[in-house]
Protein backbone atom coordinates (compact mmCIF):
# COMPACT_ATOMS: atom_id res chain seq x y z
CA MET A 1 -13.12 -2.52 37.98
CA ALA A 2 -9.92 -3.44 39.78
CA GLN A 3 -7.27 -5.30 37.85
CA ASP A 4 -7.88 -9.03 38.35
CA TYR A 5 -4.89 -10.27 36.29
CA ALA A 6 -6.99 -12.52 34.07
CA SER A 7 -5.19 -14.55 31.42
CA SER A 8 -6.16 -14.58 27.75
CA ILE A 9 -7.04 -18.12 26.67
CA GLN A 10 -8.53 -19.40 23.40
CA ALA A 11 -9.70 -17.35 20.44
CA VAL A 12 -13.50 -17.54 20.39
CA ALA A 13 -14.54 -15.09 17.66
CA ILE A 14 -13.27 -12.85 14.88
CA ARG A 15 -14.97 -9.99 13.06
CA VAL A 16 -13.59 -8.44 9.88
CA THR A 17 -15.00 -5.14 8.61
CA SER A 18 -14.33 -3.49 5.26
CA LEU A 19 -12.82 0.00 5.31
CA GLN A 20 -13.38 2.98 3.06
CA SER A 21 -10.63 5.05 1.46
CA ASP A 22 -10.35 7.39 4.48
CA GLY A 23 -10.09 4.49 6.94
CA SER A 24 -13.67 4.77 8.17
CA LEU A 25 -15.82 1.66 8.37
CA ALA A 26 -17.80 0.65 5.32
CA THR A 27 -21.56 0.45 5.85
CA GLY A 28 -24.29 -1.80 4.55
CA PRO A 29 -25.67 -5.31 5.10
CA SER A 30 -22.42 -7.08 4.15
CA ALA A 31 -19.81 -4.67 5.56
CA SER A 32 -18.76 -6.99 8.42
CA TYR A 33 -18.22 -10.73 8.63
CA VAL A 34 -18.17 -12.77 11.84
CA LEU A 35 -16.75 -16.24 12.53
CA THR A 36 -16.67 -18.13 15.82
CA SER A 37 -16.02 -21.88 15.78
CA ASP A 38 -14.27 -21.73 12.37
CA LEU A 39 -11.47 -19.50 13.68
CA ILE A 40 -8.16 -21.33 14.26
CA SER A 41 -5.78 -18.56 15.28
CA VAL A 42 -4.70 -14.94 14.92
CA SER A 43 -1.00 -14.28 15.47
CA PHE A 44 0.71 -10.89 15.45
CA THR A 45 4.23 -9.54 15.93
CA ALA A 46 5.37 -5.98 16.53
CA GLU A 47 7.89 -4.85 13.89
CA TYR A 48 10.42 -2.17 14.85
CA GLU A 49 12.89 0.03 13.00
CA GLU A 50 16.23 0.01 14.77
CA GLY A 51 17.41 3.42 15.88
CA ASP A 52 20.67 4.78 14.52
CA GLU A 53 23.75 4.27 16.65
CA PHE A 54 26.54 6.82 16.83
CA VAL A 55 30.00 6.07 18.21
CA GLN A 56 33.02 8.34 18.31
CA LYS A 57 36.45 7.12 19.37
CA GLY A 58 39.23 9.26 20.68
CA GLY A 59 42.77 9.30 19.40
CA ASP A 60 43.74 6.46 21.77
CA GLY A 61 41.08 4.17 20.34
CA THR A 62 38.68 4.31 23.28
CA VAL A 63 35.07 5.37 22.92
CA CYS A 64 34.59 8.95 24.01
CA THR A 65 30.99 9.46 22.89
CA SER A 66 28.19 7.07 22.03
CA TYR A 67 24.46 7.31 21.55
CA LYS A 68 21.79 4.83 20.48
CA ALA A 69 18.51 6.29 19.18
CA PRO A 70 15.43 4.42 20.37
CA ASP A 71 13.88 1.73 18.22
CA THR A 72 10.51 2.81 16.84
CA LEU A 73 7.42 0.77 16.03
CA LYS A 74 6.64 0.57 12.31
CA ARG A 75 3.68 -1.81 12.20
CA VAL A 76 2.48 -5.20 13.31
CA THR A 77 2.54 -8.24 11.07
CA LEU A 78 -0.43 -10.60 11.31
CA GLU A 79 -1.47 -14.07 10.28
CA VAL A 80 -5.08 -15.27 10.41
CA ALA A 81 -6.03 -18.93 10.00
CA ILE A 82 -9.51 -20.40 9.63
CA CYS A 83 -10.48 -24.04 9.24
CA ASN A 84 -12.31 -23.90 5.90
CA PRO A 85 -11.99 -22.06 2.56
CA ASP A 86 -14.79 -19.60 3.40
CA PRO A 87 -15.26 -17.51 0.21
CA GLU A 88 -17.03 -14.58 1.88
CA PHE A 89 -14.48 -14.26 4.68
CA SER A 90 -11.69 -14.41 2.07
CA LYS A 91 -13.29 -11.66 0.01
CA ILE A 92 -13.85 -9.21 2.86
CA LEU A 93 -10.36 -9.67 4.29
CA ALA A 94 -8.17 -10.02 1.18
CA GLY A 95 -10.24 -8.78 -1.75
CA GLY A 96 -10.93 -10.81 -4.89
CA GLU A 97 -14.29 -11.86 -6.25
CA LEU A 98 -17.14 -14.03 -5.02
CA LEU A 99 -18.39 -16.69 -7.40
CA SER A 100 -22.15 -17.06 -7.23
CA GLU A 101 -24.78 -19.28 -8.76
CA GLY A 102 -28.48 -18.67 -8.49
CA GLY A 103 -27.87 -15.86 -6.01
CA GLU A 104 -25.85 -18.15 -3.74
CA THR A 105 -22.12 -17.85 -3.04
CA VAL A 106 -20.40 -21.02 -4.25
CA GLY A 107 -16.75 -20.01 -4.56
CA TYR A 108 -13.99 -17.41 -4.58
CA ALA A 109 -11.47 -16.01 -7.08
CA MET A 110 -8.24 -14.29 -6.04
CA PRO A 111 -7.51 -10.75 -7.25
CA GLU A 112 -6.07 -10.51 -10.75
CA VAL A 113 -2.31 -10.68 -11.15
CA GLY A 114 -0.80 -7.21 -10.66
CA VAL A 115 -3.97 -5.81 -9.06
CA ASP A 116 -4.33 -4.73 -5.43
CA GLY A 117 -7.48 -6.61 -4.52
CA ASN A 118 -8.26 -4.75 -1.31
CA PRO A 119 -6.52 -1.35 -1.38
CA TYR A 120 -8.50 0.15 1.53
CA GLY A 121 -7.87 -2.77 3.86
CA ALA A 122 -10.04 -4.08 6.67
CA ALA A 123 -10.40 -3.83 10.43
CA ILE A 124 -9.98 -7.02 12.46
CA GLU A 125 -11.41 -7.66 15.90
CA VAL A 126 -10.76 -10.82 17.92
CA TRP A 127 -12.25 -12.01 21.21
CA SER A 128 -10.57 -14.37 23.66
CA LYS A 129 -11.63 -15.72 27.04
CA ALA A 130 -10.50 -13.89 30.18
CA ILE A 131 -9.64 -16.61 32.68
CA GLN A 132 -9.06 -15.83 36.34
CA GLY A 133 -8.42 -18.46 38.99
CA GLY A 134 -8.96 -21.31 36.53
CA LYS A 135 -12.42 -20.20 35.39
CA PRO A 136 -14.01 -17.44 33.29
CA ALA A 137 -13.68 -14.07 35.01
CA ALA A 138 -16.82 -13.09 36.90
CA ASN A 139 -16.62 -9.55 35.56
CA LYS A 140 -15.90 -8.83 31.87
CA PRO A 141 -15.13 -12.45 30.88
CA TYR A 142 -13.61 -11.63 27.46
CA TRP A 143 -10.63 -9.79 26.01
CA HIS A 144 -11.48 -7.66 22.94
CA TRP A 145 -8.51 -7.19 20.58
CA VAL A 146 -8.65 -4.49 17.88
CA PHE A 147 -6.45 -4.19 14.79
CA PRO A 148 -8.11 -1.16 13.18
CA TYR A 149 -6.30 -1.11 9.81
CA VAL A 150 -4.98 -4.26 8.18
CA ILE A 151 -3.80 -4.99 4.66
CA ALA A 152 -3.95 -8.75 4.13
CA ARG A 153 -3.56 -11.31 1.37
CA PRO A 154 -4.00 -15.07 1.09
CA GLY A 155 -0.85 -16.66 2.50
CA GLY A 156 0.73 -19.95 3.42
CA ASP A 157 0.77 -23.20 1.48
CA ARG A 158 -2.54 -24.60 0.32
CA VAL A 159 -2.41 -28.34 -0.24
CA LEU A 160 -5.21 -30.45 -1.71
CA GLU A 161 -4.54 -33.86 -0.18
CA ASN A 162 -5.91 -36.50 2.16
CA GLY A 163 -6.35 -33.91 4.86
CA ILE A 164 -7.89 -30.56 5.75
CA LEU A 165 -7.08 -27.62 3.48
CA ALA A 166 -5.38 -24.87 5.44
CA ASN A 167 -6.77 -21.38 4.77
CA SER A 168 -4.56 -18.61 6.07
CA PHE A 169 -3.97 -14.92 5.43
CA GLU A 170 -0.96 -12.74 6.17
CA GLY A 171 -0.50 -9.00 6.26
CA TRP A 172 0.38 -5.95 8.29
CA GLY A 173 -1.46 -3.38 10.36
CA VAL A 174 -1.18 0.17 11.72
CA GLY A 175 -3.38 2.52 13.72
CA ASN A 176 -6.62 3.99 12.41
CA SER A 177 -8.47 6.65 14.39
CA GLN A 178 -11.34 6.43 11.86
CA PHE A 179 -12.27 3.05 13.32
CA ASP A 180 -14.03 5.17 15.95
CA ASP A 181 -16.24 3.01 18.21
CA GLY A 182 -16.35 0.03 15.85
CA PRO A 183 -19.05 -1.50 13.65
CA ASP A 184 -21.53 -1.94 16.51
CA GLY A 185 -20.45 0.80 18.93
CA SER A 186 -18.78 -1.62 21.34
CA TRP A 187 -15.27 -0.06 21.33
CA PRO A 188 -15.16 3.13 23.48
CA PHE A 189 -11.37 3.51 23.48
CA ILE A 190 -8.60 4.80 21.22
CA SER A 191 -7.91 3.07 17.91
CA ASP A 192 -4.92 5.02 16.59
CA ARG A 193 -2.41 2.28 17.49
CA ALA A 194 -1.46 -0.82 15.52
CA PHE A 195 -3.33 -2.88 18.07
CA GLN A 196 -5.16 -2.32 21.33
CA TYR A 197 -7.15 -4.53 23.66
CA ALA A 198 -9.53 -4.27 26.60
CA ARG A 199 -11.79 -6.39 28.77
CA THR A 200 -15.44 -6.63 27.80
CA ASN A 201 -18.67 -8.30 28.92
CA THR A 202 -19.73 -9.70 25.56
CA ALA A 203 -18.39 -11.42 22.43
CA PRO A 204 -20.22 -12.41 19.21
CA ILE A 205 -20.53 -16.05 20.27
CA GLY A 206 -22.69 -18.24 18.04
CA LEU A 207 -22.74 -15.79 15.13
CA LYS A 208 -21.52 -16.61 11.64
CA GLY A 209 -21.70 -14.71 8.37
CA PHE A 210 -22.31 -11.14 7.31
CA GLN A 211 -23.21 -8.49 9.85
CA ALA A 212 -24.71 -5.14 8.89
CA VAL A 213 -22.93 -1.88 9.72
CA THR A 214 -25.16 1.21 9.87
CA PRO A 215 -23.88 4.79 9.41
């Protein structure tokens, strides 16, 4: 398709998938977790290492040689915010333990002090609307954003008050070629960068909860 210069507007869905020790996607009935209307935002910032700078002055004090090495990308930092304290989403993204009663999830416990609760990390996918000419694009009406390897933890202030409890997570991400084509085969591109994105025809609209990943 020809470039139509569609804007990215609104975050409409997020999918988080557990990773295995080699970076490949975990499998099973509860390997992925999808949220749509409960997603508030996903923000990310590229983090760079400044290149070394070399300057040599001559005997008269003027610069005779200078060179600045290029800055290089180290990782991206991310923050994810959802509008409720979803225990299952918290567990799959940041580790910890689910609290259950009668076979039903009723709560969440953070990882123990001094313990890495989710050492293998997770993959995060986000979908936003592709808007062209003030309306959803006629062809491929969504942007699909992929962060294939993320280490996250509960972040931000949590305040129990006369108001809504914020539930946010912060972390960092790098590339992960083992993400392959994603948990449902919908990503046919590279995944070895800290983030990548592409237009797509579909998004997991209306879904909520665990999603199976098959080998």
